[in-house]
């Protein structure tokens, strides 16, 4: 995998990657070597918590799709969610992807658990999220992405791949064929014996507020 870490303060150009079938993990790893590499961290602390487990996600474009692939270290990868659109961050480990078309107030929030249970949310604005009207207000029933997951044999890490149709989550391309957007990955790592999960992000958040859009990363995909 590439060791190049992008400047999160600048607009990150998401490069094209080769196609692969979901569940073909060897092909996924090979293809995503060409993607942008982002590391999970806890930027709101001077030093990460002792229980923090590293994670890395790679982001690329396959034609009309945005593709993310993550490798996450985890003591006990597990989530109790068993149904579509459950509140997965409350029931166990989960990775989240936030996406907002540039210049639009609304944004998506996509979750995947180690068992490949998914949650989809759309908030018409940041203010709408802070109204705290309950998860059912914002759930999206029609599938916006597909995913696959795998827990390693030792039970110490898990992998996830997400494939999202750009046309379903972003505006039409600009005249030059490019699309720009804000994005952020976050993670809840529930560990035995801890009262609260270990949280982390790929953005430069000054506090563990995953919905603080001004501190998300900026991305751009070119004409497909």
Protein backbone atom coordinates (compact mmCIF):
# COMPACT_ATOMS: atom_id res chain seq x y z
CA UNK A 1 0.00 0.00 0.00
CA UNK A 2 1.08 3.57 -0.63
CA UNK A 3 2.69 5.40 2.32
CA UNK A 4 1.81 8.83 0.91
CA UNK A 5 -0.35 10.71 3.42
CA UNK A 6 -2.35 13.60 1.89
CA UNK A 7 -2.55 17.10 3.30
CA UNK A 8 -6.01 17.02 4.91
CA UNK A 9 -6.19 20.82 4.82
CA UNK A 10 -6.02 20.80 1.01
CA UNK A 11 -8.47 19.37 -1.50
CA UNK A 12 -7.62 15.69 -1.95
CA UNK A 13 -7.85 14.42 -5.51
CA UNK A 14 -9.25 10.89 -5.39
CA UNK A 15 -7.48 8.76 -8.03
CA UNK A 16 -8.93 5.96 -10.16
CA UNK A 17 -8.41 2.35 -9.06
CA UNK A 18 -8.88 -0.96 -10.84
CA UNK A 19 -12.16 -2.81 -10.54
CA UNK A 20 -12.68 -5.84 -8.28
CA UNK A 21 -15.51 -8.03 -7.04
CA UNK A 22 -16.77 -7.44 -3.51
CA UNK A 23 -15.45 -10.26 -1.34
CA UNK A 24 -12.31 -10.81 -3.44
CA UNK A 25 -9.98 -9.48 -0.76
CA UNK A 26 -6.71 -10.12 -2.58
CA UNK A 27 -7.94 -8.18 -5.62
CA UNK A 28 -9.31 -5.44 -3.36
CA UNK A 29 -5.95 -4.92 -1.65
CA UNK A 30 -4.09 -4.84 -4.98
CA UNK A 31 -6.49 -2.37 -6.54
CA UNK A 32 -6.64 -0.03 -3.58
CA UNK A 33 -2.86 0.41 -3.53
CA UNK A 34 -3.52 3.20 -6.04
CA UNK A 35 -5.98 4.96 -3.74
CA UNK A 36 -5.52 7.81 -1.27
CA UNK A 37 -4.37 6.52 2.14
CA UNK A 38 -5.93 8.02 5.28
CA UNK A 39 -5.13 7.08 8.88
CA UNK A 40 -7.52 7.08 11.81
CA UNK A 41 -6.39 9.24 14.72
CA UNK A 42 -7.62 11.15 17.77
CA UNK A 43 -6.58 14.72 16.89
CA UNK A 44 -8.52 16.18 19.86
CA UNK A 45 -5.89 14.59 22.18
CA UNK A 46 -2.21 15.52 22.41
CA UNK A 47 -1.52 11.76 22.49
CA UNK A 48 -3.92 8.94 21.57
CA UNK A 49 -5.63 7.00 24.35
CA UNK A 50 -3.86 3.86 25.57
CA UNK A 51 -6.71 1.73 24.19
CA UNK A 52 -6.63 3.35 20.74
CA UNK A 53 -6.31 0.79 17.94
CA UNK A 54 -4.90 1.93 14.57
CA UNK A 55 -6.90 1.88 11.39
CA UNK A 56 -6.28 2.86 7.77
CA UNK A 57 -8.68 3.54 4.91
CA UNK A 58 -7.94 3.91 1.20
CA UNK A 59 -10.21 5.88 -1.10
CA UNK A 60 -10.47 5.58 -4.87
CA UNK A 61 -12.79 5.91 -7.87
CA UNK A 62 -13.98 3.07 -10.10
CA UNK A 63 -15.76 4.63 -13.05
CA UNK A 64 -18.99 6.06 -11.61
CA UNK A 65 -18.35 4.68 -8.11
CA UNK A 66 -16.51 5.97 -5.05
CA UNK A 67 -14.77 3.06 -3.29
CA UNK A 68 -13.36 2.88 0.24
CA UNK A 69 -11.35 0.02 1.73
CA UNK A 70 -10.34 -0.07 5.41
CA UNK A 71 -8.19 -2.26 7.63
CA UNK A 72 -9.01 -1.81 11.32
CA UNK A 73 -7.18 -3.31 14.28
CA UNK A 74 -9.66 -4.38 16.95
CA UNK A 75 -9.47 -6.54 20.11
CA UNK A 76 -12.96 -7.99 19.61
CA UNK A 77 -14.59 -7.00 16.30
CA UNK A 78 -18.32 -7.32 16.92
CA UNK A 79 -21.63 -5.49 16.76
CA UNK A 80 -25.03 -6.66 18.05
CA UNK A 81 -26.97 -5.04 15.19
CA UNK A 82 -28.88 -7.61 13.13
CA UNK A 83 -31.24 -5.48 11.03
CA UNK A 84 -31.05 -2.83 8.34
CA UNK A 85 -30.74 0.73 9.67
CA UNK A 86 -30.25 -0.08 13.35
CA UNK A 87 -28.35 2.54 15.46
CA UNK A 88 -25.09 0.67 15.02
CA UNK A 89 -22.84 3.09 16.91
CA UNK A 90 -24.69 2.12 20.10
CA UNK A 91 -24.46 -1.65 19.63
CA UNK A 92 -20.78 -2.25 18.86
CA UNK A 93 -17.90 -1.60 16.50
CA UNK A 94 -18.63 0.39 13.36
CA UNK A 95 -16.96 2.47 10.66
CA UNK A 96 -18.76 5.56 9.37
CA UNK A 97 -18.43 7.59 6.18
CA UNK A 98 -19.82 11.12 5.92
CA UNK A 99 -20.35 12.68 2.47
CA UNK A 100 -21.55 16.15 1.51
CA UNK A 101 -21.69 17.60 -1.99
CA UNK A 102 -19.69 20.83 -2.07
CA UNK A 103 -21.92 23.84 -1.45
CA UNK A 104 -24.92 21.78 -0.31
CA UNK A 105 -26.22 21.82 3.29
CA UNK A 106 -27.40 18.19 3.31
CA UNK A 107 -25.10 15.22 3.87
CA UNK A 108 -25.09 11.43 4.08
CA UNK A 109 -23.82 9.21 6.89
CA UNK A 110 -23.10 5.56 6.06
CA UNK A 111 -22.26 2.85 8.64
CA UNK A 112 -20.88 -0.68 8.29
CA UNK A 113 -20.35 -3.17 11.13
CA UNK A 114 -17.88 -6.10 11.22
CA UNK A 115 -20.81 -8.40 10.37
CA UNK A 116 -21.70 -6.18 7.38
CA UNK A 117 -24.86 -4.68 8.86
CA UNK A 118 -25.50 -1.22 7.41
CA UNK A 119 -27.09 2.06 8.43
CA UNK A 120 -27.89 4.93 6.03
CA UNK A 121 -28.79 8.44 7.14
CA UNK A 122 -29.37 11.72 5.36
CA UNK A 123 -29.47 15.04 7.21
CA UNK A 124 -30.81 18.07 5.33
CA UNK A 125 -28.36 20.24 7.27
CA UNK A 126 -26.05 20.26 10.27
CA UNK A 127 -28.74 22.16 12.17
CA UNK A 128 -31.20 19.34 11.48
CA UNK A 129 -28.82 16.84 13.08
CA UNK A 130 -28.49 18.96 16.20
CA UNK A 131 -32.27 19.01 16.62
CA UNK A 132 -31.89 15.38 17.83
CA UNK A 133 -35.24 14.24 16.46
CA UNK A 134 -34.29 10.55 16.48
CA UNK A 135 -32.65 8.21 14.00
CA UNK A 136 -35.86 7.21 12.20
CA UNK A 137 -36.36 10.78 11.04
CA UNK A 138 -33.22 10.60 8.94
CA UNK A 139 -32.89 6.96 7.82
CA UNK A 140 -32.66 6.22 4.08
CA UNK A 141 -34.44 2.99 3.16
CA UNK A 142 -33.37 2.74 -0.48
CA UNK A 143 -29.83 1.37 -0.65
CA UNK A 144 -27.21 3.98 -1.51
CA UNK A 145 -24.15 1.72 -1.32
CA UNK A 146 -22.93 -1.86 -1.18
CA UNK A 147 -20.33 -3.33 1.14
CA UNK A 148 -18.42 -6.42 2.24
CA UNK A 149 -16.56 -7.20 5.46
CA UNK A 150 -14.17 -9.81 6.84
CA UNK A 151 -12.90 -10.49 10.37
CA UNK A 152 -9.46 -12.10 10.53
CA UNK A 153 -9.02 -15.61 11.94
CA UNK A 154 -7.41 -14.34 15.14
CA UNK A 155 -10.29 -11.93 15.80
CA UNK A 156 -7.89 -9.00 16.14
CA UNK A 157 -8.83 -6.97 13.05
CA UNK A 158 -11.46 -6.53 10.39
CA UNK A 159 -11.66 -5.27 6.82
CA UNK A 160 -14.44 -3.43 5.06
CA UNK A 161 -15.03 -2.23 1.52
CA UNK A 162 -17.77 0.23 0.52
CA UNK A 163 -18.85 1.06 -3.04
CA UNK A 164 -21.06 4.11 -3.58
CA UNK A 165 -22.64 5.41 -6.77
CA UNK A 166 -21.45 9.01 -7.10
CA UNK A 167 -24.66 10.03 -8.84
CA UNK A 168 -26.69 8.95 -5.79
CA UNK A 169 -24.81 11.10 -3.27
CA UNK A 170 -23.28 14.03 -5.15
CA UNK A 171 -24.43 16.74 -7.55
CA UNK A 172 -23.94 16.69 -11.28
CA UNK A 173 -20.31 17.24 -12.38
CA UNK A 174 -18.99 20.73 -13.10
CA UNK A 175 -18.37 21.83 -16.68
CA UNK A 176 -14.90 20.26 -16.49
CA UNK A 177 -16.42 16.92 -15.44
CA UNK A 178 -15.17 17.02 -11.84
CA UNK A 179 -17.16 16.70 -8.60
CA UNK A 180 -16.07 18.18 -5.28
CA UNK A 181 -17.30 17.15 -1.85
CA UNK A 182 -16.60 17.17 1.89
CA UNK A 183 -15.99 13.83 3.59
CA UNK A 184 -14.86 12.20 6.80
CA UNK A 185 -14.43 8.68 8.11
CA UNK A 186 -14.99 7.94 11.78
CA UNK A 187 -14.94 4.89 13.98
CA UNK A 188 -16.48 3.54 17.18
CA UNK A 189 -14.36 0.82 18.79
CA UNK A 190 -16.27 -0.77 21.68
CA UNK A 191 -13.87 -2.64 23.96
CA UNK A 192 -14.61 -4.98 26.91
CA UNK A 193 -14.35 -3.23 30.25
CA UNK A 194 -14.64 0.31 28.86
CA UNK A 195 -17.64 2.43 29.75
CA UNK A 196 -17.39 4.36 26.48
CA UNK A 197 -16.07 3.30 23.05
CA UNK A 198 -12.76 4.52 21.67
CA UNK A 199 -13.55 7.01 18.90
CA UNK A 200 -11.31 8.13 16.05
CA UNK A 201 -11.45 9.91 12.71
CA UNK A 202 -9.51 10.56 9.50
CA UNK A 203 -10.28 14.30 9.67
CA UNK A 204 -8.56 16.99 11.73
CA UNK A 205 -11.36 17.38 14.23
CA UNK A 206 -10.60 19.55 17.25
CA UNK A 207 -13.21 17.62 19.29
CA UNK A 208 -14.88 14.20 18.87
CA UNK A 209 -17.84 15.79 17.07
CA UNK A 210 -18.07 13.77 13.88
CA UNK A 211 -20.76 16.08 12.47
CA UNK A 212 -18.57 19.21 12.58
CA UNK A 213 -18.49 19.71 8.81
CA UNK A 214 -16.03 22.67 8.69
CA UNK A 215 -13.26 20.32 9.86
CA UNK A 216 -13.97 17.52 7.39
CA UNK A 217 -11.62 16.83 4.50
CA UNK A 218 -12.29 18.11 0.98
CA UNK A 219 -12.18 15.74 -1.97
CA UNK A 220 -12.45 15.89 -5.74
CA UNK A 221 -13.09 13.23 -8.35
CA UNK A 222 -12.38 13.88 -12.00
CA UNK A 223 -14.43 12.95 -15.04
CA UNK A 224 -15.06 9.22 -15.10
